[in-house]
Amino acid sequence: MTIYATTWCPFCRSLLDALSGTDIDYEVVDVDQDRDAAAWVESVNGGNRVVPTVRFSDGTHATNPPFAQVKAKYEELNA
């Protein structure tokens, strides 16, 4: 699972804080530092750089998802 985020985004911080207390494996990519990542985020969000955007291992994604949704999807994919 990849979480596309920024350092200044409060929604990103909230999601990352919730994930830090779990055994969920994830990678964080800062879209302010990675142009390709920013382009991908824009491509799945109608041209907007909306963060956090989460890409799951099955290729699906979620934009600004609540922690419960991320956890449920991770568990579904890793059952």
PDB file of N, CA and C in Angstrom:
ATOM      1  N   MET A   1       0.854  -1.158   0.000  1.00  0.00           N
ATOM      2  CA  MET A   1       0.000   0.000   0.000  1.00  0.00           C
ATOM      3  C   MET A   1       0.905   1.227   0.000  1.00  0.00           C
ATOM      4  N   THR A   2       0.537   2.183  -0.837  1.00  0.00           N
ATOM      5  CA  THR A   2       1.287   3.432  -0.923  1.00  0.00           C
ATOM      6  C   THR A   2       0.363   4.585  -0.566  1.00  0.00           C
ATOM      7  N   ILE A   3       0.845   5.451   0.294  1.00  0.00           N
ATOM      8  CA  ILE A   3       0.087   6.633   0.683  1.00  0.00           C
ATOM      9  C   ILE A   3       0.788   7.845   0.105  1.00  0.00           C
ATOM     10  N   TYR A   4       0.090   8.542  -0.769  1.00  0.00           N
ATOM     11  CA  TYR A   4       0.607   9.767  -1.371  1.00  0.00           C
ATOM     12  C   TYR A   4       0.154  10.908  -0.476  1.00  0.00           C
ATOM     13  N   ALA A   5       1.117  11.681   0.001  1.00  0.00           N
ATOM     14  CA  ALA A   5       0.839  12.674   1.029  1.00  0.00           C
ATOM     15  C   ALA A   5       1.747  13.884   0.858  1.00  0.00           C
ATOM     16  N   THR A   6       1.595  14.837   1.773  1.00  0.00           N
ATOM     17  CA  THR A   6       2.514  15.968   1.894  1.00  0.00           C
ATOM     18  C   THR A   6       2.817  16.147   3.379  1.00  0.00           C
ATOM     19  N   THR A   7       3.849  16.897   3.665  1.00  0.00           N
ATOM     20  CA  THR A   7       4.221  17.126   5.061  1.00  0.00           C
ATOM     21  C   THR A   7       3.295  18.121   5.751  1.00  0.00           C
ATOM     22  N   TRP A   8       2.613  18.957   4.976  1.00  0.00           N
ATOM     23  CA  TRP A   8       1.796  20.028   5.546  1.00  0.00           C
ATOM     24  C   TRP A   8       0.307  19.682   5.655  1.00  0.00           C
ATOM     25  N   CYS A   9      -0.096  18.521   5.189  1.00  0.00           N
ATOM     26  CA  CYS A   9      -1.513  18.146   5.119  1.00  0.00           C
ATOM     27  C   CYS A   9      -2.005  17.542   6.436  1.00  0.00           C
ATOM     28  N   PRO A  10      -2.981  18.180   7.095  1.00  0.00           N
ATOM     29  CA  PRO A  10      -3.475  17.631   8.363  1.00  0.00           C
ATOM     30  C   PRO A  10      -4.213  16.302   8.194  1.00  0.00           C
ATOM     31  N   PHE A  11      -4.870  16.097   7.056  1.00  0.00           N
ATOM     32  CA  PHE A  11      -5.573  14.834   6.814  1.00  0.00           C
ATOM     33  C   PHE A  11      -4.568  13.696   6.630  1.00  0.00           C
ATOM     34  N   CYS A  12      -3.453  14.004   5.980  1.00  0.00           N
ATOM     35  CA  CYS A  12      -2.369  13.021   5.825  1.00  0.00           C
ATOM     36  C   CYS A  12      -1.819  12.651   7.189  1.00  0.00           C
ATOM     37  N   ARG A  13      -1.528  13.640   8.001  1.00  0.00           N
ATOM     38  CA  ARG A  13      -0.969  13.399   9.332  1.00  0.00           C
ATOM     39  C   ARG A  13      -1.915  12.541  10.161  1.00  0.00           C
ATOM     40  N   SER A  14      -3.199  12.822  10.093  1.00  0.00           N
ATOM     41  CA  SER A  14      -4.182  12.052  10.850  1.00  0.00           C
ATOM     42  C   SER A  14      -4.177  10.585  10.427  1.00  0.00           C
ATOM     43  N   LEU A  15      -4.177  10.333   9.121  1.00  0.00           N
ATOM     44  CA  LEU A  15      -4.165   8.958   8.624  1.00  0.00           C
ATOM     45  C   LEU A  15      -2.866   8.258   9.007  1.00  0.00           C
ATOM     46  N   LEU A  16      -1.748   8.927   8.834  1.00  0.00           N
ATOM     47  CA  LEU A  16      -0.453   8.329   9.160  1.00  0.00           C
ATOM     48  C   LEU A  16      -0.315   8.063  10.663  1.00  0.00           C
ATOM     49  N   ASP A  17      -0.841   8.951  11.478  1.00  0.00           N
ATOM     50  CA  ASP A  17      -0.812   8.732  12.924  1.00  0.00           C
ATOM     51  C   ASP A  17      -1.616   7.488  13.296  1.00  0.00           C
ATOM     52  N   ALA A  18      -2.783   7.319  12.678  1.00  0.00           N
ATOM     53  CA  ALA A  18      -3.614   6.144  12.952  1.00  0.00           C
ATOM     54  C   ALA A  18      -2.915   4.865  12.498  1.00  0.00           C
ATOM     55  N   LEU A  19      -2.270   4.913  11.347  1.00  0.00           N
ATOM     56  CA  LEU A  19      -1.584   3.731  10.819  1.00  0.00           C
ATOM     57  C   LEU A  19      -0.350   3.363  11.636  1.00  0.00           C
ATOM     58  N   SER A  20       0.280   4.341  12.240  1.00  0.00           N
ATOM     59  CA  SER A  20       1.534   4.077  12.956  1.00  0.00           C
ATOM     60  C   SER A  20       1.345   3.131  14.137  1.00  0.00           C
ATOM     61  N   GLY A  21       0.153   3.029  14.644  1.00  0.00           N
ATOM     62  CA  GLY A  21      -0.113   2.137  15.763  1.00  0.00           C
ATOM     63  C   GLY A  21      -0.575   0.755  15.350  1.00  0.00           C
ATOM     64  N   THR A  22      -0.375   0.404  14.085  1.00  0.00           N
ATOM     65  CA  THR A  22      -0.840  -0.884  13.566  1.00  0.00           C
ATOM     66  C   THR A  22       0.328  -1.669  12.975  1.00  0.00           C
ATOM     67  N   ASP A  23       0.025  -2.880  12.526  1.00  0.00           N
ATOM     68  CA  ASP A  23       1.035  -3.684  11.830  1.00  0.00           C
ATOM     69  C   ASP A  23       0.833  -3.633  10.315  1.00  0.00           C
ATOM     70  N   ILE A  24       0.094  -2.644   9.845  1.00  0.00           N
ATOM     71  CA  ILE A  24      -0.161  -2.474   8.415  1.00  0.00           C
ATOM     72  C   ILE A  24       1.108  -1.969   7.730  1.00  0.00           C
ATOM     73  N   ASP A  25       1.504  -2.663   6.667  1.00  0.00           N
ATOM     74  CA  ASP A  25       2.676  -2.253   5.889  1.00  0.00           C
ATOM     75  C   ASP A  25       2.271  -1.195   4.874  1.00  0.00           C
ATOM     76  N   TYR A  26       3.019  -0.106   4.833  1.00  0.00           N
ATOM     77  CA  TYR A  26       2.734   0.953   3.868  1.00  0.00           C
ATOM     78  C   TYR A  26       3.997   1.749   3.593  1.00  0.00           C
ATOM     79  N   GLU A  27       3.956   2.430   2.456  1.00  0.00           N
ATOM     80  CA  GLU A  27       5.031   3.336   2.045  1.00  0.00           C
ATOM     81  C   GLU A  27       4.407   4.714   1.896  1.00  0.00           C
ATOM     82  N   VAL A  28       5.131   5.744   2.274  1.00  0.00           N
ATOM     83  CA  VAL A  28       4.654   7.117   2.114  1.00  0.00           C
ATOM     84  C   VAL A  28       5.479   7.791   1.028  1.00  0.00           C
ATOM     85  N   VAL A  29       4.786   8.432   0.083  1.00  0.00           N
ATOM     86  CA  VAL A  29       5.450   9.181  -0.977  1.00  0.00           C
ATOM     87  C   VAL A  29       4.981  10.630  -0.886  1.00  0.00           C
ATOM     88  N   ASP A  30       5.923  11.543  -0.769  1.00  0.00           N
ATOM     89  CA  ASP A  30       5.628  12.975  -0.680  1.00  0.00           C
ATOM     90  C   ASP A  30       5.461  13.530  -2.094  1.00  0.00           C
ATOM     91  N   VAL A  31       4.245  13.912  -2.442  1.00  0.00           N
ATOM     92  CA  VAL A  31       3.981  14.394  -3.801  1.00  0.00           C
ATOM     93  C   VAL A  31       4.605  15.760  -4.067  1.00  0.00           C
ATOM     94  N   ASP A  32       5.023  16.463  -3.024  1.00  0.00           N
ATOM     95  CA  ASP A  32       5.743  17.718  -3.231  1.00  0.00           C
ATOM     96  C   ASP A  32       7.182  17.456  -3.675  1.00  0.00           C
ATOM     97  N   GLN A  33       7.683  16.252  -3.435  1.00  0.00           N
ATOM     98  CA  GLN A  33       9.061  15.895  -3.770  1.00  0.00           C
ATOM     99  C   GLN A  33       9.177  14.958  -4.969  1.00  0.00           C
ATOM    100  N   ASP A  34       8.080  14.363  -5.393  1.00  0.00           N
ATOM    101  CA  ASP A  34       8.104  13.345  -6.448  1.00  0.00           C
ATOM    102  C   ASP A  34       7.111  13.721  -7.548  1.00  0.00           C
ATOM    103  N   ARG A  35       7.625  14.228  -8.649  1.00  0.00           N
ATOM    104  CA  ARG A  35       6.755  14.698  -9.743  1.00  0.00           C
ATOM    105  C   ARG A  35       5.908  13.589 -10.345  1.00  0.00           C
ATOM    106  N   ASP A  36       6.503  12.405 -10.506  1.00  0.00           N
ATOM    107  CA  ASP A  36       5.747  11.286 -11.075  1.00  0.00           C
ATOM    108  C   ASP A  36       4.593  10.891 -10.159  1.00  0.00           C
ATOM    109  N   ALA A  37       4.846  10.881  -8.873  1.00  0.00           N
ATOM    110  CA  ALA A  37       3.794  10.561  -7.907  1.00  0.00           C
ATOM    111  C   ALA A  37       2.696  11.619  -7.948  1.00  0.00           C
ATOM    112  N   ALA A  38       3.091  12.879  -8.018  1.00  0.00           N
ATOM    113  CA  ALA A  38       2.112  13.964  -8.094  1.00  0.00           C
ATOM    114  C   ALA A  38       1.263  13.831  -9.349  1.00  0.00           C
ATOM    115  N   ALA A  39       1.887  13.474 -10.460  1.00  0.00           N
ATOM    116  CA  ALA A  39       1.151  13.302 -11.717  1.00  0.00           C
ATOM    117  C   ALA A  39       0.153  12.156 -11.600  1.00  0.00           C
ATOM    118  N   TRP A  40       0.551  11.068 -10.946  1.00  0.00           N
ATOM    119  CA  TRP A  40      -0.374   9.942 -10.773  1.00  0.00           C
ATOM    120  C   TRP A  40      -1.559  10.362  -9.912  1.00  0.00           C
ATOM    121  N   VAL A  41      -1.300  11.050  -8.802  1.00  0.00           N
ATOM    122  CA  VAL A  41      -2.381  11.511  -7.924  1.00  0.00           C
ATOM    123  C   VAL A  41      -3.344  12.398  -8.707  1.00  0.00           C
ATOM    124  N   GLU A  42      -2.809  13.306  -9.493  1.00  0.00           N
ATOM    125  CA  GLU A  42      -3.658  14.177 -10.306  1.00  0.00           C
ATOM    126  C   GLU A  42      -4.463  13.370 -11.316  1.00  0.00           C
ATOM    127  N   SER A  43      -3.864  12.324 -11.882  1.00  0.00           N
ATOM    128  CA  SER A  43      -4.547  11.527 -12.910  1.00  0.00           C
ATOM    129  C   SER A  43      -5.751  10.769 -12.363  1.00  0.00           C
ATOM    130  N   VAL A  44      -5.738  10.431 -11.084  1.00  0.00           N
ATOM    131  CA  VAL A  44      -6.863   9.686 -10.509  1.00  0.00           C
ATOM    132  C   VAL A  44      -7.825  10.581  -9.733  1.00  0.00           C
ATOM    133  N   ASN A  45      -7.531  11.875  -9.694  1.00  0.00           N
ATOM    134  CA  ASN A  45      -8.370  12.815  -8.950  1.00  0.00           C
ATOM    135  C   ASN A  45      -8.819  13.990  -9.809  1.00  0.00           C
ATOM    136  N   GLY A  46      -9.146  13.705 -11.058  1.00  0.00           N
ATOM    137  CA  GLY A  46      -9.697  14.734 -11.930  1.00  0.00           C
ATOM    138  C   GLY A  46      -8.780  15.913 -12.160  1.00  0.00           C
ATOM    139  N   GLY A  47      -7.472  15.683 -12.154  1.00  0.00           N
ATOM    140  CA  GLY A  47      -6.511  16.750 -12.383  1.00  0.00           C
ATOM    141  C   GLY A  47      -6.104  17.504 -11.130  1.00  0.00           C
ATOM    142  N   ASN A  48      -6.648  17.099  -9.991  1.00  0.00           N
ATOM    143  CA  ASN A  48      -6.336  17.763  -8.724  1.00  0.00           C
ATOM    144  C   ASN A  48      -5.348  16.941  -7.906  1.00  0.00           C
ATOM    145  N   ARG A  49      -4.473  17.617  -7.218  1.00  0.00           N
ATOM    146  CA  ARG A  49      -3.493  16.951  -6.354  1.00  0.00           C
ATOM    147  C   ARG A  49      -4.099  16.841  -4.953  1.00  0.00           C
ATOM    148  N   VAL A  50      -4.961  15.844  -4.785  1.00  0.00           N
ATOM    149  CA  VAL A  50      -5.665  15.642  -3.521  1.00  0.00           C
ATOM    150  C   VAL A  50      -4.906  14.615  -2.683  1.00  0.00           C
ATOM    151  N   VAL A  51      -4.582  14.995  -1.460  1.00  0.00           N
ATOM    152  CA  VAL A  51      -3.898  14.082  -0.547  1.00  0.00           C
ATOM    153  C   VAL A  51      -4.646  14.039   0.777  1.00  0.00           C
ATOM    154  N   PRO A  52      -4.605  12.914   1.456  1.00  0.00           N
ATOM    155  CA  PRO A  52      -3.923  11.700   1.052  1.00  0.00           C
ATOM    156  C   PRO A  52      -4.712  10.935  -0.012  1.00  0.00           C
ATOM    157  N   THR A  53      -3.974  10.344  -0.917  1.00  0.00           N
ATOM    158  CA  THR A  53      -4.529   9.374  -1.850  1.00  0.00           C
ATOM    159  C   THR A  53      -3.780   8.078  -1.592  1.00  0.00           C
ATOM    160  N   VAL A  54      -4.531   6.999  -1.446  1.00  0.00           N
ATOM    161  CA  VAL A  54      -3.948   5.704  -1.108  1.00  0.00           C
ATOM    162  C   VAL A  54      -4.105   4.766  -2.295  1.00  0.00           C
ATOM    163  N   ARG A  55      -2.986   4.128  -2.692  1.00  0.00           N
ATOM    164  CA  ARG A  55      -3.034   3.101  -3.736  1.00  0.00           C
ATOM    165  C   ARG A  55      -2.807   1.755  -3.053  1.00  0.00           C
ATOM    166  N   PHE A  56      -3.758   0.854  -3.271  1.00  0.00           N
ATOM    167  CA  PHE A  56      -3.702  -0.463  -2.650  1.00  0.00           C
ATOM    168  C   PHE A  56      -2.989  -1.450  -3.565  1.00  0.00           C
ATOM    169  N   SER A  57      -2.618  -2.587  -3.008  1.00  0.00           N
ATOM    170  CA  SER A  57      -1.833  -3.580  -3.748  1.00  0.00           C
ATOM    171  C   SER A  57      -2.572  -4.164  -4.942  1.00  0.00           C
ATOM    172  N   ASP A  58      -3.895  -4.048  -4.978  1.00  0.00           N
ATOM    173  CA  ASP A  58      -4.656  -4.551  -6.127  1.00  0.00           C
ATOM    174  C   ASP A  58      -4.817  -3.503  -7.223  1.00  0.00           C
ATOM    175  N   GLY A  59      -4.200  -2.327  -7.036  1.00  0.00           N
ATOM    176  CA  GLY A  59      -4.254  -1.274  -8.042  1.00  0.00           C
ATOM    177  C   GLY A  59      -5.376  -0.275  -7.850  1.00  0.00           C
ATOM    178  N   THR A  60      -6.306  -0.558  -6.938  1.00  0.00           N
ATOM    179  CA  THR A  60      -7.373   0.398  -6.667  1.00  0.00           C
ATOM    180  C   THR A  60      -6.820   1.524  -5.794  1.00  0.00           C
ATOM    181  N   HIS A  61      -7.602   2.588  -5.693  1.00  0.00           N
ATOM    182  CA  HIS A  61      -7.158   3.716  -4.877  1.00  0.00           C
ATOM    183  C   HIS A  61      -8.336   4.332  -4.137  1.00  0.00           C
ATOM    184  N   ALA A  62      -8.016   5.135  -3.139  1.00  0.00           N
ATOM    185  CA  ALA A  62      -9.024   5.871  -2.381  1.00  0.00           C
ATOM    186  C   ALA A  62      -8.461   7.255  -2.089  1.00  0.00           C
ATOM    187  N   THR A  63      -9.319   8.251  -2.224  1.00  0.00           N
ATOM    188  CA  THR A  63      -8.918   9.631  -1.989  1.00  0.00           C
ATOM    189  C   THR A  63      -9.437  10.098  -0.640  1.00  0.00           C
ATOM    190  N   ASN A  64      -8.524  10.566   0.192  1.00  0.00           N
ATOM    191  CA  ASN A  64      -8.829  11.057   1.537  1.00  0.00           C
ATOM    192  C   ASN A  64      -9.716  10.076   2.312  1.00  0.00           C
ATOM    193  N   PRO A  65      -9.307   8.811   2.350  1.00  0.00           N
ATOM    194  CA  PRO A  65     -10.143   7.815   3.021  1.00  0.00           C
ATOM    195  C   PRO A  65      -9.984   7.873   4.537  1.00  0.00           C
ATOM    196  N   PRO A  66     -11.043   7.507   5.256  1.00  0.00           N
ATOM    197  CA  PRO A  66     -10.892   7.386   6.703  1.00  0.00           C
ATOM    198  C   PRO A  66     -10.043   6.158   7.032  1.00  0.00           C
ATOM    199  N   PHE A  67      -9.425   6.165   8.195  1.00  0.00           N
ATOM    200  CA  PHE A  67      -8.578   5.053   8.621  1.00  0.00           C
ATOM    201  C   PHE A  67      -9.323   3.718   8.543  1.00  0.00           C
ATOM    202  N   ALA A  68     -10.574   3.686   8.974  1.00  0.00           N
ATOM    203  CA  ALA A  68     -11.338   2.434   8.977  1.00  0.00           C
ATOM    204  C   ALA A  68     -11.432   1.831   7.576  1.00  0.00           C
ATOM    205  N   GLN A  69     -11.591   2.660   6.564  1.00  0.00           N
ATOM    206  CA  GLN A  69     -11.665   2.178   5.184  1.00  0.00           C
ATOM    207  C   GLN A  69     -10.322   1.604   4.741  1.00  0.00           C
ATOM    208  N   VAL A  70      -9.248   2.285   5.081  1.00  0.00           N
ATOM    209  CA  VAL A  70      -7.909   1.814   4.717  1.00  0.00           C
ATOM    210  C   VAL A  70      -7.624   0.482   5.404  1.00  0.00           C
ATOM    211  N   LYS A  71      -7.935   0.395   6.668  1.00  0.00           N
ATOM    212  CA  LYS A  71      -7.706  -0.833   7.439  1.00  0.00           C
ATOM    213  C   LYS A  71      -8.516  -1.988   6.866  1.00  0.00           C
ATOM    214  N   ALA A  72      -9.791  -1.751   6.569  1.00  0.00           N
ATOM    215  CA  ALA A  72     -10.652  -2.804   6.026  1.00  0.00           C
ATOM    216  C   ALA A  72     -10.141  -3.299   4.679  1.00  0.00           C
ATOM    217  N   LYS A  73      -9.731  -2.395   3.817  1.00  0.00           N
ATOM    218  CA  LYS A  73      -9.221  -2.784   2.499  1.00  0.00           C
ATOM    219  C   LYS A  73      -7.916  -3.556   2.643  1.00  0.00           C
ATOM    220  N   TYR A  74      -7.042  -3.108   3.513  1.00  0.00           N
ATOM    221  CA  TYR A  74      -5.779  -3.814   3.748  1.00  0.00           C
ATOM    222  C   TYR A  74      -6.054  -5.235   4.239  1.00  0.00           C
ATOM    223  N   GLU A  75      -6.962  -5.373   5.186  1.00  0.00           N
ATOM    224  CA  GLU A  75      -7.297  -6.701   5.720  1.00  0.00           C
ATOM    225  C   GLU A  75      -7.918  -7.585   4.648  1.00  0.00           C
ATOM    226  N   GLU A  76      -8.768  -7.009   3.809  1.00  0.00           N
ATOM    227  CA  GLU A  76      -9.379  -7.759   2.706  1.00  0.00           C
ATOM    228  C   GLU A  76      -8.302  -8.296   1.764  1.00  0.00           C
ATOM    229  N   LEU A  77      -7.335  -7.471   1.441  1.00  0.00           N
ATOM    230  CA  LEU A  77      -6.297  -7.861   0.487  1.00  0.00           C
ATOM    231  C   LEU A  77      -5.241  -8.780   1.093  1.00  0.00           C
ATOM    232  N   ASN A  78      -5.154  -8.806   2.398  1.00  0.00           N
ATOM    233  CA  ASN A  78      -4.124  -9.610   3.058  1.00  0.00           C
ATOM    234  C   ASN A  78      -4.706 -10.729   3.915  1.00  0.00           C
ATOM    235  N   ALA A  79      -5.923 -11.131   3.585  1.00  0.00           N
ATOM    236  CA  ALA A  79      -6.587 -12.205   4.356  1.00  0.00           C
ATOM    237  C   ALA A  79      -6.000 -13.561   4.025  1.00  0.00           C
TER     238      ALA A  79
END
